[in-house]
Protein backbone atom coordinates (compact mmCIF):
# COMPACT_ATOMS: atom_id res chain seq x y z
CA MET A 1 6.41 -13.67 -28.69
CA SER A 2 4.57 -13.41 -25.64
CA SER A 3 5.57 -9.83 -23.29
CA VAL A 4 4.64 -9.46 -19.88
CA TRP A 5 2.29 -7.31 -20.78
CA ASP A 6 -0.06 -9.72 -22.59
CA ALA A 7 -0.07 -11.12 -18.80
CA LEU A 8 -1.64 -8.16 -17.20
CA PRO A 9 -5.08 -6.92 -17.79
CA ALA A 10 -5.66 -3.30 -19.48
CA SER A 11 -8.18 -2.44 -16.01
CA THR A 12 -9.36 -3.93 -13.52
CA VAL A 13 -13.18 -5.03 -13.18
CA GLY A 14 -14.99 -5.40 -9.72
CA PRO A 15 -13.00 -6.26 -6.65
CA VAL A 16 -9.20 -6.86 -6.75
CA GLY A 17 -7.07 -7.67 -3.74
CA PRO A 18 -6.46 -10.37 -1.18
CA GLY A 19 -7.78 -13.47 -1.87
CA SER A 20 -9.93 -12.00 -5.02
CA PRO A 21 -11.20 -14.07 -7.55
CA GLY A 22 -9.26 -11.72 -10.03
CA GLY A 23 -6.20 -12.32 -8.35
CA PRO A 24 -3.68 -14.57 -11.01
CA GLY A 25 -4.91 -18.19 -10.51
CA GLY A 26 -7.63 -16.87 -7.35
CA GLN A 27 -4.34 -17.18 -5.21
CA PRO A 28 -4.89 -15.61 -1.98
CA GLY A 29 -2.63 -12.56 -0.82
CA VAL A 30 -2.17 -11.72 -5.06
CA ALA A 31 -3.38 -8.50 -6.79
CA VAL A 32 -3.16 -7.60 -9.75
CA VAL A 33 -1.18 -4.64 -11.55
CA THR A 34 -2.67 -3.45 -15.15
CA VAL A 35 -0.67 -1.74 -17.73
CA ASP A 36 -1.73 1.11 -16.62
CA GLY A 37 -0.94 0.67 -13.12
CA ALA A 38 2.21 -0.49 -14.53
CA ALA A 39 3.43 2.53 -16.74
CA TRP A 40 2.08 4.82 -13.26
CA LEU A 41 4.94 3.08 -11.36
CA ALA A 42 7.41 3.79 -13.70
CA SER A 43 6.81 7.39 -14.49
CA ALA A 44 8.07 7.89 -10.75
CA GLY A 45 11.60 6.91 -12.35
CA ALA A 46 13.91 9.31 -14.40
CA TYR A 47 14.02 6.89 -17.01
CA PRO A 48 10.82 5.43 -16.85
CA ARG A 49 11.02 3.80 -20.76
CA SER A 50 13.95 1.73 -19.03
CA THR A 51 12.18 0.55 -16.58
CA LEU A 52 8.99 -0.57 -18.78
CA ALA A 53 11.75 -2.06 -20.19
CA LEU A 54 12.88 -4.22 -17.06
CA TRP A 55 10.12 -5.68 -16.54
CA GLU A 56 9.78 -6.50 -20.36
CA GLU A 57 12.87 -8.81 -19.42
CA ARG A 58 12.24 -9.29 -16.14
CA PRO A 59 8.40 -9.18 -14.72
CA HIS A 60 9.23 -10.95 -11.24
CA ALA A 61 11.97 -7.97 -10.51
CA PRO A 62 11.57 -5.67 -7.55
CA VAL A 63 12.82 -2.19 -8.90
CA VAL A 64 14.07 1.06 -6.67
CA LEU A 65 11.92 3.78 -7.65
CA PRO A 66 12.08 7.14 -6.20
CA CYS A 67 9.37 9.07 -4.07
CA GLY A 68 8.41 12.77 -3.56
CA SER A 69 7.00 13.63 -7.10
CA VAL A 70 4.58 10.73 -8.23
CA PHE A 71 3.99 9.86 -4.72
CA ASP A 72 5.22 9.34 -1.65
CA VAL A 73 5.62 6.18 0.94
CA VAL A 74 4.54 5.72 4.36
CA SER A 75 6.04 2.53 5.69
CA ALA A 76 4.49 0.60 8.85
CA PRO A 77 4.94 -2.62 10.54
CA ALA A 78 2.86 -5.22 8.29
CA MET A 79 0.24 -6.40 11.17
CA PHE A 80 -0.10 -2.30 12.18
CA GLY A 81 -0.08 -1.42 7.82
CA ARG A 82 -2.88 -3.94 7.70
CA LEU A 83 -4.83 -2.19 10.34
CA MET A 84 -4.80 0.83 8.62
CA LEU A 85 -5.61 -0.84 5.34
CA ASP A 86 -8.89 -2.07 7.07
CA ARG A 87 -9.81 1.15 8.95
CA LEU A 88 -8.98 2.74 5.14
CA TRP A 89 -11.56 0.50 3.04
CA GLY A 90 -14.02 -0.05 6.51
CA ASP A 91 -14.59 3.39 7.55
CA GLY A 92 -12.35 5.67 5.37
CA PRO A 93 -12.21 6.36 1.76
CA GLY A 94 -10.26 3.31 0.01
CA SER A 95 -6.28 3.68 -0.20
CA GLY A 96 -4.10 3.93 -2.86
CA PRO A 97 -1.50 1.21 -4.21
CA VAL A 98 -0.42 -0.68 -1.23
CA ALA A 99 2.72 -3.29 -0.75
CA ALA A 100 4.22 -5.84 1.41
CA PHE A 101 7.49 -5.49 1.56
CA ARG A 102 9.63 -8.01 3.92
CA GLY A 103 7.96 -7.58 7.22
CA ARG A 104 6.93 -4.00 6.36
CA THR A 105 3.48 -2.42 4.72
CA LEU A 106 4.10 0.19 2.02
CA LEU A 107 1.35 3.07 1.94
CA PHE A 108 1.12 5.06 -1.56
CA ALA A 109 0.66 8.65 -0.35
CA ALA A 110 0.30 11.81 -2.15
CA PRO A 111 3.08 13.38 -2.72
CA GLY A 112 4.04 15.99 0.43
CA THR A 113 2.48 13.52 2.87
CA ALA A 114 6.15 12.32 4.23
CA GLN A 115 7.30 15.78 5.12
CA ARG A 116 3.67 16.71 7.12
CA LEU A 117 2.60 13.36 8.70
CA PRO A 118 5.40 13.06 11.33
CA SER A 119 4.85 16.52 12.93
CA LEU A 120 0.92 15.54 12.68
CA LEU A 121 1.13 12.48 14.71
CA GLU A 122 3.57 14.17 17.29
CA TRP A 123 0.33 16.67 17.93
CA GLU A 124 -1.61 13.83 18.17
CA GLU A 125 0.48 12.04 20.87
CA TRP A 126 0.55 15.01 22.88
CA SER A 127 -2.82 16.12 22.73
CA ALA A 128 -4.95 13.17 22.29
CA ASP A 129 -7.39 12.41 25.50
CA GLY A 130 -7.17 9.18 27.12
CA ARG A 131 -3.12 8.49 25.99
CA SER A 132 -2.32 7.69 29.98
CA ASP A 133 -4.67 4.86 30.24
CA GLY A 134 -4.48 2.52 27.47
CA ARG A 135 -7.54 3.25 25.70
CA THR A 136 -6.68 4.66 22.39
CA GLY A 137 -3.39 2.88 22.06
CA THR A 138 0.09 4.21 20.32
CA VAL A 139 0.99 4.46 16.98
CA PRO A 140 3.95 2.63 16.06
CA PRO A 141 7.06 4.26 14.46
CA LEU A 142 5.83 5.17 10.86
CA LEU A 143 8.38 5.32 8.36
CA CYS A 144 7.78 8.35 5.98
CA HIS A 145 9.68 8.42 2.43
CA GLY A 146 9.46 11.82 0.43
CA ASN A 147 11.68 13.78 -1.76
CA GLY A 148 14.92 12.50 -1.93
CA ASP A 149 14.11 8.70 -0.72
CA ALA A 150 13.97 6.08 -2.73
CA VAL A 151 11.77 2.52 -2.26
CA THR A 152 11.70 -0.60 -3.63
CA VAL A 153 8.11 -1.72 -4.92
CA PRO A 154 7.01 -5.05 -6.27
CA ALA A 155 6.85 -6.54 -9.63
CA PRO A 156 3.93 -6.21 -11.71
CA LEU A 157 3.92 -10.10 -11.60
CA ALA A 158 4.34 -12.04 -8.35
CA SER A 159 7.26 -13.81 -7.56
CA PRO A 160 5.85 -18.15 -7.53
CA GLY A 161 6.38 -18.46 -3.69
CA ASP A 162 7.29 -15.20 -2.69
CA THR A 163 4.59 -13.64 0.07
CA SER A 164 7.02 -11.47 1.00
CA THR A 165 7.09 -9.12 -1.29
CA ARG A 166 3.83 -8.67 -3.22
CA TRP A 167 0.90 -6.16 -3.75
CA VAL A 168 -1.72 -5.95 -1.26
CA VAL A 169 -3.73 -3.30 -3.28
CA ALA A 170 -2.42 -2.87 -7.19
CA PRO A 171 -2.04 -0.18 -8.82
CA ASP A 172 -4.53 -0.28 -11.70
CA THR A 173 -5.02 3.13 -13.10
CA ARG A 174 -2.29 5.85 -14.68
CA HIS A 175 -3.97 8.46 -12.15
CA PRO A 176 -4.59 6.74 -8.90
CA TRP A 177 -6.21 8.65 -5.76
CA LEU A 178 -3.41 8.92 -2.73
CA PRO A 179 -4.58 9.35 0.49
CA GLY A 180 -2.55 12.75 2.01
CA PRO A 181 -1.70 13.03 5.41
CA GLU A 182 -4.51 13.97 7.47
CA ILE A 183 -6.28 10.44 6.32
CA LEU A 184 -3.39 8.61 6.86
CA LEU A 185 -3.43 10.02 10.69
CA TRP A 186 -7.23 9.58 10.95
CA ALA A 187 -6.14 5.68 9.55
CA ALA A 188 -3.49 5.33 12.22
CA VAL A 189 -4.89 6.34 15.01
CA ARG A 190 -7.96 4.10 14.41
CA ALA A 191 -5.37 0.97 13.84
CA ALA A 192 -4.07 1.74 16.99
CA ARG A 193 -7.66 1.62 19.06
CA SER A 194 -8.08 -1.39 16.76
CA ALA A 195 -4.92 -2.81 18.18
CA VAL A 196 -6.15 -2.57 21.60
CA ARG A 197 -9.16 -4.34 21.08
CA ILE A 198 -7.24 -7.17 19.11
CA SER A 199 -5.06 -8.12 22.41
CA ILE A 200 -7.51 -8.49 24.47
CA SER A 201 -9.61 -10.58 22.10
CA HIS A 202 -8.18 -12.89 19.35
CA PRO A 203 -5.71 -12.16 15.94
CA ALA A 204 -7.50 -11.48 12.74
CA ASP A 205 -7.43 -12.76 9.98
CA GLN A 206 -5.35 -10.38 7.88
CA ASP A 207 -4.92 -12.58 4.96
CA ALA A 208 -8.80 -13.43 4.15
CA LYS A 209 -9.74 -9.16 3.53
CA VAL A 210 -10.62 -8.50 -0.15
CA TYR A 211 -10.44 -5.03 -1.01
CA ASP A 212 -12.57 -3.36 -3.71
CA VAL A 213 -10.67 -0.68 -5.93
CA SER A 214 -13.91 -0.10 -7.73
CA ARG A 215 -14.54 1.92 -4.72
CA ARG A 216 -11.51 4.08 -4.57
CA ARG A 217 -11.63 7.60 -5.49
């Protein structure tokens, strides 16, 4: 009898991300969760085996997982989150897992990020030069989920036809590198500047991006 784990790769080889041929059927905007990545996600809950058993029975079902121990999550408006992701991969160290969920971009971050990032953003807002003339743009409110919070994450296998809940950069290892608050602050500030430039030129094709997870730390 086939199982969901038969459909998941043991590891990623080469680029896996939006539009990547490594995605199921080469579908744009689909990223592949590996067996190790699914195990990492499940480890965030109090009963990892129960989560894995649920996915065994319902491989397309999103689940609610607690934050604060294995990962924190920074939730941004969809477009701004994609701009942050572009900065992380274009000029920075890459990212941890990233998901799209009903109009939001969920960036998985190192535990403790949710507590520290808001104060860093507040400091940046009041101390950065050039805010008054609009050259740097503004960072929209970011929702930081940490200890005591929980988030809904996409299932290992994407639901057919559902583009609102999916992995953009899929978890692919049991010990993924996760950005901390300083790196996400850097990405948010540069995304705000990028948003200013895009607003006076033309929108970027966000779904055409491919993120090579082999570059991730």
